[in-house]
All heavy atoms as atom14 arrays in JSON, in Angstrom:
{
  "sequence": "VMILIFASINDSAFLLDFAIIYTLSGFIGIIFIALFLAE",
  "atom14_mask": [
    [1, 1, 1, 1, 1, 1, 1, 0, 0, 0, 0, 0, 0, 0],
    [1, 1, 1, 1, 1, 1, 1, 1, 0, 0, 0, 0, 0, 0],
    [1, 1, 1, 1, 1, 1, 1, 1, 0, 0, 0, 0, 0, 0],
    [1, 1, 1, 1, 1, 1, 1, 1, 0, 0, 0, 0, 0, 0],
    [1, 1, 1, 1, 1, 1, 1, 1, 0, 0, 0, 0, 0, 0],
    [1, 1, 1, 1, 1, 1, 1, 1, 1, 1, 1, 0, 0, 0],
    [1, 1, 1, 1, 1, 0, 0, 0, 0, 0, 0, 0, 0, 0],
    [1, 1, 1, 1, 1, 1, 0, 0, 0, 0, 0, 0, 0, 0],
    [1, 1, 1, 1, 1, 1, 1, 1, 0, 0, 0, 0, 0, 0],
    [1, 1, 1, 1, 1, 1, 1, 1, 0, 0, 0, 0, 0, 0],
    [1, 1, 1, 1, 1, 1, 1, 1, 0, 0, 0, 0, 0, 0],
    [1, 1, 1, 1, 1, 1, 0, 0, 0, 0, 0, 0, 0, 0],
    [1, 1, 1, 1, 1, 0, 0, 0, 0, 0, 0, 0, 0, 0],
    [1, 1, 1, 1, 1, 1, 1, 1, 1, 1, 1, 0, 0, 0],
    [1, 1, 1, 1, 1, 1, 1, 1, 0, 0, 0, 0, 0, 0],
    [1, 1, 1, 1, 1, 1, 1, 1, 0, 0, 0, 0, 0, 0],
    [1, 1, 1, 1, 1, 1, 1, 1, 0, 0, 0, 0, 0, 0],
    [1, 1, 1, 1, 1, 1, 1, 1, 1, 1, 1, 0, 0, 0],
    [1, 1, 1, 1, 1, 0, 0, 0, 0, 0, 0, 0, 0, 0],
    [1, 1, 1, 1, 1, 1, 1, 1, 0, 0, 0, 0, 0, 0],
    [1, 1, 1, 1, 1, 1, 1, 1, 0, 0, 0, 0, 0, 0],
    [1, 1, 1, 1, 1, 1, 1, 1, 1, 1, 1, 1, 0, 0],
    [1, 1, 1, 1, 1, 1, 1, 0, 0, 0, 0, 0, 0, 0],
    [1, 1, 1, 1, 1, 1, 1, 1, 0, 0, 0, 0, 0, 0],
    [1, 1, 1, 1, 1, 1, 0, 0, 0, 0, 0, 0, 0, 0],
    [1, 1, 1, 1, 0, 0, 0, 0, 0, 0, 0, 0, 0, 0],
    [1, 1, 1, 1, 1, 1, 1, 1, 1, 1, 1, 0, 0, 0],
    [1, 1, 1, 1, 1, 1, 1, 1, 0, 0, 0, 0, 0, 0],
    [1, 1, 1, 1, 0, 0, 0, 0, 0, 0, 0, 0, 0, 0],
    [1, 1, 1, 1, 1, 1, 1, 1, 0, 0, 0, 0, 0, 0],
    [1, 1, 1, 1, 1, 1, 1, 1, 0, 0, 0, 0, 0, 0],
    [1, 1, 1, 1, 1, 1, 1, 1, 1, 1, 1, 0, 0, 0],
    [1, 1, 1, 1, 1, 1, 1, 1, 0, 0, 0, 0, 0, 0],
    [1, 1, 1, 1, 1, 0, 0, 0, 0, 0, 0, 0, 0, 0],
    [1, 1, 1, 1, 1, 1, 1, 1, 0, 0, 0, 0, 0, 0],
    [1, 1, 1, 1, 1, 1, 1, 1, 1, 1, 1, 0, 0, 0],
    [1, 1, 1, 1, 1, 1, 1, 1, 0, 0, 0, 0, 0, 0],
    [1, 1, 1, 1, 1, 0, 0, 0, 0, 0, 0, 0, 0, 0],
    [1, 1, 1, 1, 1, 1, 1, 1, 1, 0, 0, 0, 0, 0]
  ],
  "atom14_positions": [
    [[105.12, 88.29, 90.27], [106.17, 87.6, 91.25], [105.49, 87.68, 92.54], [105.63, 86.72, 93.37], [107.43, 88.3, 91.15], [108.38, 87.78, 92.13], [108.09, 88.13, 89.72], [0.0, 0.0, 0.0], [0.0, 0.0, 0.0], [0.0, 0.0, 0.0], [0.0, 0.0, 0.0], [0.0, 0.0, 0.0], [0.0, 0.0, 0.0], [0.0, 0.0, 0.0]],
    [[104.89, 88.69, 92.86], [104.25, 88.86, 94.28], [103.17, 87.78, 94.36], [102.91, 87.18, 95.47], [103.76, 90.31, 94.62], [104.91, 91.21, 94.92], [104.24, 92.74, 95.51], [103.57, 93.57, 94.08], [0.0, 0.0, 0.0], [0.0, 0.0, 0.0], [0.0, 0.0, 0.0], [0.0, 0.0, 0.0], [0.0, 0.0, 0.0], [0.0, 0.0, 0.0]],
    [[102.26, 87.56, 93.32], [101.3, 86.65, 93.44], [101.99, 85.18, 93.63], [101.45, 84.45, 94.29], [100.44, 86.6, 92.05], [99.6, 87.8, 92.05], [99.54, 85.43, 91.96], [98.92, 88.15, 90.79], [0.0, 0.0, 0.0], [0.0, 0.0, 0.0], [0.0, 0.0, 0.0], [0.0, 0.0, 0.0], [0.0, 0.0, 0.0], [0.0, 0.0, 0.0]],
    [[103.07, 84.95, 92.91], [103.68, 83.63, 92.9], [104.31, 83.56, 94.37], [104.22, 82.33, 94.88], [104.79, 83.56, 91.97], [104.31, 83.42, 90.53], [105.46, 83.44, 89.56], [103.42, 82.29, 90.22], [0.0, 0.0, 0.0], [0.0, 0.0, 0.0], [0.0, 0.0, 0.0], [0.0, 0.0, 0.0], [0.0, 0.0, 0.0], [0.0, 0.0, 0.0]],
    [[104.81, 84.47, 94.98], [105.39, 84.43, 96.26], [104.28, 84.11, 97.35], [104.37, 83.23, 98.3], [106.21, 85.61, 96.72], [107.57, 85.65, 95.92], [106.5, 85.72, 98.19], [108.3, 86.92, 96.11], [0.0, 0.0, 0.0], [0.0, 0.0, 0.0], [0.0, 0.0, 0.0], [0.0, 0.0, 0.0], [0.0, 0.0, 0.0], [0.0, 0.0, 0.0]],
    [[103.23, 84.92, 97.15], [102.0, 84.65, 97.96], [101.45, 83.27, 97.9], [101.07, 82.72, 98.91], [101.03, 85.75, 97.75], [99.93, 85.79, 98.74], [100.11, 86.42, 100.07], [98.62, 85.32, 98.47], [99.19, 86.41, 100.97], [97.62, 85.44, 99.51], [97.9, 85.96, 100.73], [0.0, 0.0, 0.0], [0.0, 0.0, 0.0], [0.0, 0.0, 0.0]],
    [[101.53, 82.82, 96.74], [100.94, 81.41, 96.54], [101.87, 80.38, 97.12], [101.39, 79.45, 97.72], [100.8, 81.14, 95.02], [0.0, 0.0, 0.0], [0.0, 0.0, 0.0], [0.0, 0.0, 0.0], [0.0, 0.0, 0.0], [0.0, 0.0, 0.0], [0.0, 0.0, 0.0], [0.0, 0.0, 0.0], [0.0, 0.0, 0.0], [0.0, 0.0, 0.0]],
    [[103.24, 80.63, 97.15], [104.11, 79.72, 97.87], [103.93, 79.84, 99.23], [104.04, 78.8, 99.95], [105.53, 80.19, 97.38], [106.42, 79.51, 98.15], [0.0, 0.0, 0.0], [0.0, 0.0, 0.0], [0.0, 0.0, 0.0], [0.0, 0.0, 0.0], [0.0, 0.0, 0.0], [0.0, 0.0, 0.0], [0.0, 0.0, 0.0], [0.0, 0.0, 0.0]],
    [[103.66, 81.06, 99.81], [103.54, 81.26, 101.38], [102.34, 80.43, 101.87], [102.37, 79.75, 102.81], [103.41, 82.65, 101.66], [104.8, 83.36, 101.49], [103.07, 82.88, 103.23], [104.81, 84.85, 101.65], [0.0, 0.0, 0.0], [0.0, 0.0, 0.0], [0.0, 0.0, 0.0], [0.0, 0.0, 0.0], [0.0, 0.0, 0.0], [0.0, 0.0, 0.0]],
    [[101.18, 80.61, 101.15], [99.9, 79.99, 101.53], [99.65, 78.62, 100.93], [98.55, 78.06, 101.3], [98.81, 80.97, 101.22], [98.85, 82.22, 101.94], [99.41, 82.29, 103.17], [98.48, 83.28, 101.39], [0.0, 0.0, 0.0], [0.0, 0.0, 0.0], [0.0, 0.0, 0.0], [0.0, 0.0, 0.0], [0.0, 0.0, 0.0], [0.0, 0.0, 0.0]],
    [[100.6, 78.05, 100.26], [100.33, 76.77, 99.48], [99.05, 76.78, 98.69], [98.16, 75.79, 98.92], [100.34, 75.61, 100.48], [101.62, 75.04, 100.88], [102.65, 75.36, 100.06], [101.83, 74.48, 101.83], [0.0, 0.0, 0.0], [0.0, 0.0, 0.0], [0.0, 0.0, 0.0], [0.0, 0.0, 0.0], [0.0, 0.0, 0.0], [0.0, 0.0, 0.0]],
    [[98.82, 77.74, 97.98], [97.53, 77.95, 97.28], [97.91, 77.87, 95.76], [98.37, 78.6, 95.05], [96.99, 79.42, 97.46], [96.68, 79.47, 98.69], [0.0, 0.0, 0.0], [0.0, 0.0, 0.0], [0.0, 0.0, 0.0], [0.0, 0.0, 0.0], [0.0, 0.0, 0.0], [0.0, 0.0, 0.0], [0.0, 0.0, 0.0], [0.0, 0.0, 0.0]],
    [[97.64, 76.71, 95.22], [97.94, 76.3, 93.74], [97.12, 77.11, 92.78], [97.45, 77.35, 91.64], [97.88, 74.81, 93.45], [0.0, 0.0, 0.0], [0.0, 0.0, 0.0], [0.0, 0.0, 0.0], [0.0, 0.0, 0.0], [0.0, 0.0, 0.0], [0.0, 0.0, 0.0], [0.0, 0.0, 0.0], [0.0, 0.0, 0.0], [0.0, 0.0, 0.0]],
    [[95.84, 77.41, 93.22], [94.85, 78.18, 92.3], [95.38, 79.51, 92.07], [95.12, 80.18, 91.02], [93.63, 78.22, 92.86], [93.37, 79.08, 93.99], [92.89, 80.43, 93.81], [93.53, 78.62, 95.4], [92.84, 81.17, 94.93], [93.44, 79.47, 96.46], [93.07, 80.83, 96.16], [0.0, 0.0, 0.0], [0.0, 0.0, 0.0], [0.0, 0.0, 0.0]],
    [[96.38, 80.19, 92.83], [96.82, 81.35, 92.61], [97.77, 81.35, 91.31], [97.97, 82.45, 90.67], [97.48, 82.03, 93.71], [96.54, 82.52, 94.88], [97.32, 82.89, 96.09], [95.7, 83.49, 94.44], [0.0, 0.0, 0.0], [0.0, 0.0, 0.0], [0.0, 0.0, 0.0], [0.0, 0.0, 0.0], [0.0, 0.0, 0.0], [0.0, 0.0, 0.0]],
    [[98.31, 80.18, 91.16], [99.23, 80.08, 89.92], [98.34, 80.3, 88.67], [99.01, 80.94, 87.65], [99.93, 78.82, 90.0], [100.69, 78.46, 91.13], [101.32, 76.98, 90.9], [101.96, 79.49, 91.29], [0.0, 0.0, 0.0], [0.0, 0.0, 0.0], [0.0, 0.0, 0.0], [0.0, 0.0, 0.0], [0.0, 0.0, 0.0], [0.0, 0.0, 0.0]],
    [[97.12, 79.92, 88.62], [96.38, 80.11, 87.45], [96.06, 81.71, 87.28], [96.14, 82.2, 86.23], [94.99, 79.42, 87.68], [95.14, 78.01, 87.67], [96.09, 77.53, 87.1], [94.33, 77.3, 88.24], [0.0, 0.0, 0.0], [0.0, 0.0, 0.0], [0.0, 0.0, 0.0], [0.0, 0.0, 0.0], [0.0, 0.0, 0.0], [0.0, 0.0, 0.0]],
    [[95.84, 82.31, 88.34], [95.73, 83.71, 88.31], [97.02, 84.47, 87.75], [96.87, 85.41, 86.96], [95.25, 84.39, 89.54], [93.98, 84.11, 90.02], [93.55, 83.36, 91.14], [92.92, 84.45, 89.3], [92.44, 83.05, 91.49], [91.58, 84.08, 89.62], [91.32, 83.53, 90.69], [0.0, 0.0, 0.0], [0.0, 0.0, 0.0], [0.0, 0.0, 0.0]],
    [[98.09, 84.02, 88.16], [99.39, 84.63, 87.73], [99.56, 84.33, 86.25], [99.97, 85.31, 85.49], [100.57, 83.97, 88.52], [0.0, 0.0, 0.0], [0.0, 0.0, 0.0], [0.0, 0.0, 0.0], [0.0, 0.0, 0.0], [0.0, 0.0, 0.0], [0.0, 0.0, 0.0], [0.0, 0.0, 0.0], [0.0, 0.0, 0.0], [0.0, 0.0, 0.0]],
    [[99.23, 83.21, 85.72], [99.34, 82.86, 84.29], [98.31, 83.74, 83.5], [98.75, 84.38, 82.53], [99.05, 81.35, 84.11], [100.2, 80.61, 84.6], [98.98, 81.18, 82.47], [99.98, 79.11, 84.58], [0.0, 0.0, 0.0], [0.0, 0.0, 0.0], [0.0, 0.0, 0.0], [0.0, 0.0, 0.0], [0.0, 0.0, 0.0], [0.0, 0.0, 0.0]],
    [[97.23, 83.93, 83.93], [96.26, 84.76, 83.23], [96.59, 86.28, 83.24], [96.48, 86.91, 82.26], [94.79, 84.54, 83.97], [94.32, 83.23, 83.62], [93.81, 85.62, 83.39], [92.99, 82.83, 84.45], [0.0, 0.0, 0.0], [0.0, 0.0, 0.0], [0.0, 0.0, 0.0], [0.0, 0.0, 0.0], [0.0, 0.0, 0.0], [0.0, 0.0, 0.0]],
    [[97.08, 86.63, 84.37], [97.56, 88.12, 84.49], [98.77, 88.29, 83.61], [98.91, 89.3, 83.01], [97.94, 88.39, 85.97], [98.14, 89.88, 86.12], [97.13, 90.77, 86.2], [99.51, 90.29, 86.31], [97.43, 92.11, 86.38], [99.76, 91.67, 86.46], [98.67, 92.48, 86.56], [99.0, 93.84, 86.72], [0.0, 0.0, 0.0], [0.0, 0.0, 0.0]],
    [[99.66, 87.31, 83.46], [100.79, 87.46, 82.61], [100.32, 87.52, 81.13], [100.9, 88.39, 80.41], [101.72, 86.15, 82.82], [102.13, 86.07, 84.15], [102.91, 86.34, 81.9], [0.0, 0.0, 0.0], [0.0, 0.0, 0.0], [0.0, 0.0, 0.0], [0.0, 0.0, 0.0], [0.0, 0.0, 0.0], [0.0, 0.0, 0.0], [0.0, 0.0, 0.0]],
    [[99.51, 86.72, 80.73], [98.97, 86.69, 79.33], [98.26, 87.96, 79.05], [98.52, 88.63, 77.85], [98.25, 85.56, 79.02], [98.91, 84.24, 79.03], [97.85, 82.98, 78.81], [99.87, 84.07, 77.96], [0.0, 0.0, 0.0], [0.0, 0.0, 0.0], [0.0, 0.0, 0.0], [0.0, 0.0, 0.0], [0.0, 0.0, 0.0], [0.0, 0.0, 0.0]],
    [[97.38, 88.48, 79.96], [96.68, 89.7, 79.68], [97.68, 90.9, 79.67], [97.49, 91.78, 78.79], [95.56, 89.77, 80.64], [96.12, 90.04, 81.88], [0.0, 0.0, 0.0], [0.0, 0.0, 0.0], [0.0, 0.0, 0.0], [0.0, 0.0, 0.0], [0.0, 0.0, 0.0], [0.0, 0.0, 0.0], [0.0, 0.0, 0.0], [0.0, 0.0, 0.0]],
    [[98.64, 90.89, 80.52], [99.58, 91.98, 80.51], [100.44, 92.12, 79.21], [100.66, 93.13, 78.72], [0.0, 0.0, 0.0], [0.0, 0.0, 0.0], [0.0, 0.0, 0.0], [0.0, 0.0, 0.0], [0.0, 0.0, 0.0], [0.0, 0.0, 0.0], [0.0, 0.0, 0.0], [0.0, 0.0, 0.0], [0.0, 0.0, 0.0], [0.0, 0.0, 0.0]],
    [[100.91, 90.88, 78.79], [101.67, 90.74, 77.53], [100.86, 91.18, 76.32], [101.37, 92.07, 75.48], [102.2, 89.27, 77.32], [102.83, 89.05, 76.09], [104.09, 89.53, 75.87], [102.23, 88.37, 74.99], [104.77, 89.46, 74.66], [102.94, 88.23, 73.78], [104.06, 88.6, 73.64], [0.0, 0.0, 0.0], [0.0, 0.0, 0.0], [0.0, 0.0, 0.0]],
    [[99.58, 90.82, 76.27], [98.77, 91.25, 75.14], [98.52, 92.72, 75.22], [98.58, 93.4, 74.28], [97.4, 90.48, 75.16], [97.86, 88.99, 74.67], [96.51, 90.97, 74.12], [96.67, 87.92, 74.89], [0.0, 0.0, 0.0], [0.0, 0.0, 0.0], [0.0, 0.0, 0.0], [0.0, 0.0, 0.0], [0.0, 0.0, 0.0], [0.0, 0.0, 0.0]],
    [[98.36, 93.24, 76.39], [98.1, 94.66, 76.5], [99.19, 95.41, 76.12], [99.09, 96.51, 75.56], [0.0, 0.0, 0.0], [0.0, 0.0, 0.0], [0.0, 0.0, 0.0], [0.0, 0.0, 0.0], [0.0, 0.0, 0.0], [0.0, 0.0, 0.0], [0.0, 0.0, 0.0], [0.0, 0.0, 0.0], [0.0, 0.0, 0.0], [0.0, 0.0, 0.0]],
    [[100.43, 95.01, 76.57], [101.64, 95.83, 76.25], [101.79, 95.71, 74.62], [102.26, 96.77, 74.07], [102.82, 95.29, 76.87], [102.91, 95.51, 78.43], [104.21, 95.68, 76.35], [102.98, 97.0, 78.79], [0.0, 0.0, 0.0], [0.0, 0.0, 0.0], [0.0, 0.0, 0.0], [0.0, 0.0, 0.0], [0.0, 0.0, 0.0], [0.0, 0.0, 0.0]],
    [[101.58, 94.63, 74.14], [101.72, 94.6, 72.54], [100.79, 95.49, 71.85], [101.21, 96.3, 70.99], [101.63, 93.04, 72.16], [102.64, 92.21, 72.66], [101.5, 92.99, 70.57], [104.05, 92.57, 72.16], [0.0, 0.0, 0.0], [0.0, 0.0, 0.0], [0.0, 0.0, 0.0], [0.0, 0.0, 0.0], [0.0, 0.0, 0.0], [0.0, 0.0, 0.0]],
    [[99.48, 95.55, 72.35], [98.52, 96.45, 71.69], [98.86, 97.94, 71.93], [98.65, 98.69, 70.99], [97.2, 96.11, 72.16], [96.43, 94.79, 71.64], [95.73, 94.05, 72.22], [96.74, 94.72, 70.16], [95.2, 92.82, 71.6], [96.15, 93.49, 69.62], [95.46, 92.66, 70.37], [0.0, 0.0, 0.0], [0.0, 0.0, 0.0], [0.0, 0.0, 0.0]],
    [[99.33, 98.17, 73.06], [99.61, 99.64, 73.35], [100.84, 100.12, 72.55], [100.87, 101.06, 71.99], [99.91, 99.86, 74.88], [98.55, 99.78, 75.57], [100.5, 101.24, 75.08], [98.78, 99.65, 77.17], [0.0, 0.0, 0.0], [0.0, 0.0, 0.0], [0.0, 0.0, 0.0], [0.0, 0.0, 0.0], [0.0, 0.0, 0.0], [0.0, 0.0, 0.0]],
    [[101.89, 99.11, 72.45], [103.07, 99.47, 71.59], [102.76, 99.62, 70.11], [103.19, 100.65, 69.54], [104.11, 98.5, 71.88], [0.0, 0.0, 0.0], [0.0, 0.0, 0.0], [0.0, 0.0, 0.0], [0.0, 0.0, 0.0], [0.0, 0.0, 0.0], [0.0, 0.0, 0.0], [0.0, 0.0, 0.0], [0.0, 0.0, 0.0], [0.0, 0.0, 0.0]],
    [[101.79, 98.73, 69.66], [101.36, 98.89, 68.24], [100.69, 100.19, 68.01], [100.71, 100.84, 66.93], [100.6, 97.66, 67.88], [101.39, 96.39, 67.65], [100.44, 95.32, 67.51], [102.34, 96.46, 66.63], [0.0, 0.0, 0.0], [0.0, 0.0, 0.0], [0.0, 0.0, 0.0], [0.0, 0.0, 0.0], [0.0, 0.0, 0.0], [0.0, 0.0, 0.0]],
    [[99.77, 100.53, 68.94], [98.9, 101.69, 68.83], [99.91, 102.96, 68.83], [99.7, 103.81, 67.96], [97.97, 101.91, 70.03], [97.21, 103.03, 69.99], [96.22, 103.45, 69.12], [97.55, 104.05, 70.93], [95.59, 104.57, 69.15], [96.88, 105.3, 71.07], [96.03, 105.6, 70.17], [0.0, 0.0, 0.0], [0.0, 0.0, 0.0], [0.0, 0.0, 0.0]],
    [[100.83, 102.94, 69.78], [101.68, 104.09, 69.76], [102.6, 104.21, 68.49], [102.78, 105.25, 68.03], [102.61, 104.13, 71.0], [101.93, 104.27, 72.31], [102.78, 104.03, 73.45], [101.21, 105.73, 72.29], [0.0, 0.0, 0.0], [0.0, 0.0, 0.0], [0.0, 0.0, 0.0], [0.0, 0.0, 0.0], [0.0, 0.0, 0.0], [0.0, 0.0, 0.0]],
    [[103.01, 103.07, 68.08], [103.88, 103.07, 66.78], [103.03, 103.63, 65.55], [103.51, 104.39, 64.72], [104.53, 101.66, 66.58], [0.0, 0.0, 0.0], [0.0, 0.0, 0.0], [0.0, 0.0, 0.0], [0.0, 0.0, 0.0], [0.0, 0.0, 0.0], [0.0, 0.0, 0.0], [0.0, 0.0, 0.0], [0.0, 0.0, 0.0], [0.0, 0.0, 0.0]],
    [[101.78, 103.12, 65.45], [100.9, 103.55, 64.36], [100.52, 104.95, 64.52], [100.63, 105.74, 63.54], [99.64, 102.78, 64.47], [98.8, 103.06, 63.21], [99.26, 102.57, 61.89], [100.0, 101.57, 61.95], [98.94, 103.11, 61.02], [0.0, 0.0, 0.0], [0.0, 0.0, 0.0], [0.0, 0.0, 0.0], [0.0, 0.0, 0.0], [0.0, 0.0, 0.0]]
  ]
}
């Protein structure tokens, strides 16, 4: 959310790509960690 707000402040559309990539990597990381802990 901070990346998205900063992109809105600076009118930087390329930061939205970074936010999407960070979201996907965070989601995949959480899933792997949860599966590891459950196993």
